[in-house]
Amino acid sequence: MTPKTILVPIDFSECADRALDYACSLAEKLGATIHLVNSLGAGLPELSVALTDSMIASLREGAASQLEKIAKERAPLAKFGRTFVTTGDARDGILDAAKQCSADLIVVGSHGRRGVKRLVLGSVAEDVVRRAPCPVLVVRLKEAS
C-alpha cells in the first residue's frame, strides 16, 4: 500500500528537521499529505505538574504557531494537513495523532542515543515503532559509522 497520509513528530530539533525533510521528499513522490505533531510534555514531564492552565495554553499556542510556520516554509515541497499539539508523554501523543489523522506512515527522527543516555531518556522512536497502528520509518540524525 502506498502511504497517502504521513505523520511527522516534531520536537523542534535538528533530528526532527531531518525526518521532516525525508518525509517531504517521500510525500512529493507519493502525492501524500504530511501532518505534524508536537508533544509539550516531551521535554520536561515533571514540569507539567507545576504549570497553570494559562501557561499550558500559552505553550500550546506557541507550539502550534511554530508548527504552522514549519509547514508554511516547506509548503513548496509537500502538501501539509493538520497540526497536533498534545500534552503529556510524546509517545502517547504521537500514537493518538496517528489514529486521529489515519496515518499510513509515521516518519520519526532518532537521536541514536546509546547506553546510559538511552536508558535514562528512553527511546520515543523505539516505543512508537513497537506500538504504532501503521508502519514507522526511523530517520537517524547521522549516518552510522
C-alpha atoms as a PDB file:
ATOM      1  CA  MET A   1       0.000   0.000   0.000  1.00  0.00           C
ATOM      2  CA  THR A   2       1.303   3.445  -0.916  1.00  0.00           C
ATOM      3  CA  PRO A   3       1.189   5.898   2.012  1.00  0.00           C
ATOM      4  CA  LYS A   4      -1.088   8.863   1.410  1.00  0.00           C
ATOM      5  CA  THR A   5      -1.073  10.222   4.974  1.00  0.00           C
ATOM      6  CA  ILE A   6       2.275  10.740   6.711  1.00  0.00           C
ATOM      7  CA  LEU A   7       2.649  11.842  10.324  1.00  0.00           C
ATOM      8  CA  VAL A   8       5.884  13.512  11.428  1.00  0.00           C
ATOM      9  CA  PRO A   9       6.576  14.131  15.141  1.00  0.00           C
ATOM     10  CA  ILE A  10       8.333  17.476  15.633  1.00  0.00           C
ATOM     11  CA  ASP A  11      10.318  18.392  18.745  1.00  0.00           C
ATOM     12  CA  PHE A  12      11.984  21.374  17.028  1.00  0.00           C
ATOM     13  CA  SER A  13      15.366  19.617  16.943  1.00  0.00           C
ATOM     14  CA  GLU A  14      17.798  19.076  14.091  1.00  0.00           C
ATOM     15  CA  CYS A  15      16.823  15.422  14.213  1.00  0.00           C
ATOM     16  CA  ALA A  16      13.142  16.222  13.628  1.00  0.00           C
ATOM     17  CA  ASP A  17      14.087  18.572  10.780  1.00  0.00           C
ATOM     18  CA  ARG A  18      15.960  15.749   9.069  1.00  0.00           C
ATOM     19  CA  ALA A  19      12.961  13.418   9.437  1.00  0.00           C
ATOM     20  CA  LEU A  20      10.632  16.113   8.077  1.00  0.00           C
ATOM     21  CA  ASP A  21      12.881  16.728   5.072  1.00  0.00           C
ATOM     22  CA  TYR A  22      12.822  12.992   4.365  1.00  0.00           C
ATOM     23  CA  ALA A  23       9.022  12.928   4.725  1.00  0.00           C
ATOM     24  CA  CYS A  24       8.678  15.892   2.353  1.00  0.00           C
ATOM     25  CA  SER A  25      10.712  14.066  -0.267  1.00  0.00           C
ATOM     26  CA  LEU A  26       8.533  10.970   0.121  1.00  0.00           C
ATOM     27  CA  ALA A  27       5.291  12.955   0.113  1.00  0.00           C
ATOM     28  CA  GLU A  28       6.241  14.745  -3.075  1.00  0.00           C
ATOM     29  CA  LYS A  29       6.938  11.458  -4.867  1.00  0.00           C
ATOM     30  CA  LEU A  30       3.865   9.674  -3.484  1.00  0.00           C
ATOM     31  CA  GLY A  31       1.356  12.516  -3.575  1.00  0.00           C
ATOM     32  CA  ALA A  32       0.914  12.166   0.187  1.00  0.00           C
ATOM     33  CA  THR A  33      -0.167  14.691   2.807  1.00  0.00           C
ATOM     34  CA  ILE A  34       2.028  15.391   5.840  1.00  0.00           C
ATOM     35  CA  HIS A  35       0.569  16.022   9.287  1.00  0.00           C
ATOM     36  CA  LEU A  36       2.719  17.346  12.144  1.00  0.00           C
ATOM     37  CA  VAL A  37       2.567  16.587  15.871  1.00  0.00           C
ATOM     38  CA  ASN A  38       4.359  18.129  18.854  1.00  0.00           C
ATOM     39  CA  SER A  39       4.068  16.967  22.445  1.00  0.00           C
ATOM     40  CA  LEU A  40       4.522  19.649  25.084  1.00  0.00           C
ATOM     41  CA  GLY A  41       5.423  17.180  27.831  1.00  0.00           C
ATOM     42  CA  ALA A  42       8.260  15.647  25.833  1.00  0.00           C
ATOM     43  CA  GLY A  43      10.974  17.854  27.277  1.00  0.00           C
ATOM     44  CA  LEU A  44      10.280  18.017  30.989  1.00  0.00           C
ATOM     45  CA  PRO A  45       7.391  15.803  32.095  1.00  0.00           C
ATOM     46  CA  GLU A  46       7.836  16.675  35.767  1.00  0.00           C
ATOM     47  CA  LEU A  47       7.445  20.382  34.951  1.00  0.00           C
ATOM     48  CA  SER A  48       3.882  19.914  33.675  1.00  0.00           C
ATOM     49  CA  VAL A  49       2.676  19.442  37.256  1.00  0.00           C
ATOM     50  CA  ALA A  50       3.757  22.996  38.131  1.00  0.00           C
ATOM     51  CA  LEU A  51       2.228  24.701  35.076  1.00  0.00           C
ATOM     52  CA  THR A  52      -1.060  26.559  35.264  1.00  0.00           C
ATOM     53  CA  ASP A  53      -3.774  26.142  32.650  1.00  0.00           C
ATOM     54  CA  SER A  54      -2.955  29.548  31.167  1.00  0.00           C
ATOM     55  CA  MET A  55       0.734  28.629  30.926  1.00  0.00           C
ATOM     56  CA  ILE A  56      -0.129  25.381  29.162  1.00  0.00           C
ATOM     57  CA  ALA A  57      -2.466  27.252  26.795  1.00  0.00           C
ATOM     58  CA  SER A  58       0.322  29.712  26.007  1.00  0.00           C
ATOM     59  CA  LEU A  59       2.804  26.896  25.366  1.00  0.00           C
ATOM     60  CA  ARG A  60       0.241  25.147  23.166  1.00  0.00           C
ATOM     61  CA  GLU A  61      -0.323  28.324  21.122  1.00  0.00           C
ATOM     62  CA  GLY A  62       3.417  28.828  20.709  1.00  0.00           C
ATOM     63  CA  ALA A  63       3.988  25.246  19.566  1.00  0.00           C
ATOM     64  CA  ALA A  64       1.026  25.423  17.162  1.00  0.00           C
ATOM     65  CA  SER A  65       2.408  28.643  15.707  1.00  0.00           C
ATOM     66  CA  GLN A  66       5.848  27.063  15.228  1.00  0.00           C
ATOM     67  CA  LEU A  67       4.310  24.010  13.523  1.00  0.00           C
ATOM     68  CA  GLU A  68       2.316  26.241  11.171  1.00  0.00           C
ATOM     69  CA  LYS A  69       5.494  28.182  10.339  1.00  0.00           C
ATOM     70  CA  ILE A  70       7.377  24.953   9.585  1.00  0.00           C
ATOM     71  CA  ALA A  71       4.543  23.761   7.329  1.00  0.00           C
ATOM     72  CA  LYS A  72       4.382  27.105   5.527  1.00  0.00           C
ATOM     73  CA  GLU A  73       8.151  27.138   4.908  1.00  0.00           C
ATOM     74  CA  ARG A  74       8.042  23.656   3.390  1.00  0.00           C
ATOM     75  CA  ALA A  75       4.735  24.095   1.532  1.00  0.00           C
ATOM     76  CA  PRO A  76       6.504  24.286  -1.863  1.00  0.00           C
ATOM     77  CA  LEU A  77       7.960  20.822  -1.174  1.00  0.00           C
ATOM     78  CA  ALA A  78       4.882  18.907   0.010  1.00  0.00           C
ATOM     79  CA  LYS A  79       1.209  19.144   0.893  1.00  0.00           C
ATOM     80  CA  PHE A  80       0.520  19.696   4.605  1.00  0.00           C
ATOM     81  CA  GLY A  81      -2.617  18.841   6.534  1.00  0.00           C
ATOM     82  CA  ARG A  82      -3.364  19.058  10.238  1.00  0.00           C
ATOM     83  CA  THR A  83      -1.067  20.002  13.076  1.00  0.00           C
ATOM     84  CA  PHE A  84      -1.474  18.465  16.515  1.00  0.00           C
ATOM     85  CA  VAL A  85      -0.148  19.823  19.801  1.00  0.00           C
ATOM     86  CA  THR A  86      -0.532  17.351  22.637  1.00  0.00           C
ATOM     87  CA  THR A  87       0.327  17.440  26.314  1.00  0.00           C
ATOM     88  CA  GLY A  88       1.866  14.585  28.219  1.00  0.00           C
ATOM     89  CA  ASP A  89       4.094  11.795  27.048  1.00  0.00           C
ATOM     90  CA  ALA A  90       5.389  12.183  23.488  1.00  0.00           C
ATOM     91  CA  ARG A  91       4.873   8.505  22.691  1.00  0.00           C
ATOM     92  CA  ASP A  92       1.171   8.627  23.518  1.00  0.00           C
ATOM     93  CA  GLY A  93       0.737  11.955  21.725  1.00  0.00           C
ATOM     94  CA  ILE A  94       2.284  10.590  18.540  1.00  0.00           C
ATOM     95  CA  LEU A  95       0.164   7.434  18.611  1.00  0.00           C
ATOM     96  CA  ASP A  96      -3.041   9.401  19.304  1.00  0.00           C
ATOM     97  CA  ALA A  97      -2.303  11.803  16.440  1.00  0.00           C
ATOM     98  CA  ALA A  98      -1.588   8.837  14.127  1.00  0.00           C
ATOM     99  CA  LYS A  99      -5.040   7.453  14.884  1.00  0.00           C
ATOM    100  CA  GLN A 100      -6.764  10.846  14.533  1.00  0.00           C
ATOM    101  CA  CYS A 101      -5.332  11.504  11.077  1.00  0.00           C
ATOM    102  CA  SER A 102      -5.467   7.838   9.982  1.00  0.00           C
ATOM    103  CA  ALA A 103      -1.739   7.853   9.255  1.00  0.00           C
ATOM    104  CA  ASP A 104      -0.468   5.336   6.727  1.00  0.00           C
ATOM    105  CA  LEU A 105       3.134   6.040   7.769  1.00  0.00           C
ATOM    106  CA  ILE A 106       4.960   7.737  10.634  1.00  0.00           C
ATOM    107  CA  VAL A 107       8.357   9.266   9.855  1.00  0.00           C
ATOM    108  CA  VAL A 108      10.189   9.856  13.130  1.00  0.00           C
ATOM    109  CA  GLY A 109      13.677  11.114  13.827  1.00  0.00           C
ATOM    110  CA  SER A 110      16.044   9.243  16.101  1.00  0.00           C
ATOM    111  CA  HIS A 111      18.897  10.798  18.013  1.00  0.00           C
ATOM    112  CA  GLY A 112      20.707   7.458  18.031  1.00  0.00           C
ATOM    113  CA  ARG A 113      21.448   7.528  21.740  1.00  0.00           C
ATOM    114  CA  ARG A 114      23.114   4.514  23.267  1.00  0.00           C
ATOM    115  CA  GLY A 115      23.996   3.187  26.675  1.00  0.00           C
ATOM    116  CA  VAL A 116      23.121   5.177  29.782  1.00  0.00           C
ATOM    117  CA  LYS A 117      21.661   8.150  27.866  1.00  0.00           C
ATOM    118  CA  ARG A 118      19.162   5.845  26.147  1.00  0.00           C
ATOM    119  CA  LEU A 119      18.387   4.065  29.390  1.00  0.00           C
ATOM    120  CA  VAL A 120      17.719   7.340  31.218  1.00  0.00           C
ATOM    121  CA  LEU A 121      15.979   9.227  28.412  1.00  0.00           C
ATOM    122  CA  GLY A 122      14.223   6.272  26.807  1.00  0.00           C
ATOM    123  CA  SER A 123      13.569   5.950  23.120  1.00  0.00           C
ATOM    124  CA  VAL A 124      10.465   7.598  21.770  1.00  0.00           C
ATOM    125  CA  ALA A 125      11.172   6.223  18.296  1.00  0.00           C
ATOM    126  CA  GLU A 126      11.540   2.659  19.569  1.00  0.00           C
ATOM    127  CA  ASP A 127       8.281   2.778  21.511  1.00  0.00           C
ATOM    128  CA  VAL A 128       6.436   4.279  18.548  1.00  0.00           C
ATOM    129  CA  VAL A 129       7.778   1.501  16.308  1.00  0.00           C
ATOM    130  CA  ARG A 130       6.504  -1.113  18.755  1.00  0.00           C
ATOM    131  CA  ARG A 131       3.034   0.375  19.283  1.00  0.00           C
ATOM    132  CA  ALA A 132       2.140   2.254  16.087  1.00  0.00           C
ATOM    133  CA  PRO A 133      -1.015   1.397  14.133  1.00  0.00           C
ATOM    134  CA  CYS A 134       0.942   1.762  10.864  1.00  0.00           C
ATOM    135  CA  PRO A 135       4.485   1.354   9.505  1.00  0.00           C
ATOM    136  CA  VAL A 136       7.157   3.615  11.009  1.00  0.00           C
ATOM    137  CA  LEU A 137      10.220   4.920   9.199  1.00  0.00           C
ATOM    138  CA  VAL A 138      13.034   5.933  11.558  1.00  0.00           C
ATOM    139  CA  VAL A 139      15.414   8.568  10.225  1.00  0.00           C
ATOM    140  CA  ARG A 140      18.714   8.848  12.054  1.00  0.00           C
ATOM    141  CA  LEU A 141      20.334  12.217  12.609  1.00  0.00           C
ATOM    142  CA  LYS A 142      23.709  10.947  11.430  1.00  0.00           C
ATOM    143  CA  GLU A 143      24.804   8.007   9.357  1.00  0.00           C
ATOM    144  CA  ALA A 144      26.074   5.016  11.320  1.00  0.00           C
ATOM    145  CA  SER A 145      29.837   4.731  11.213  1.00  0.00           C
END
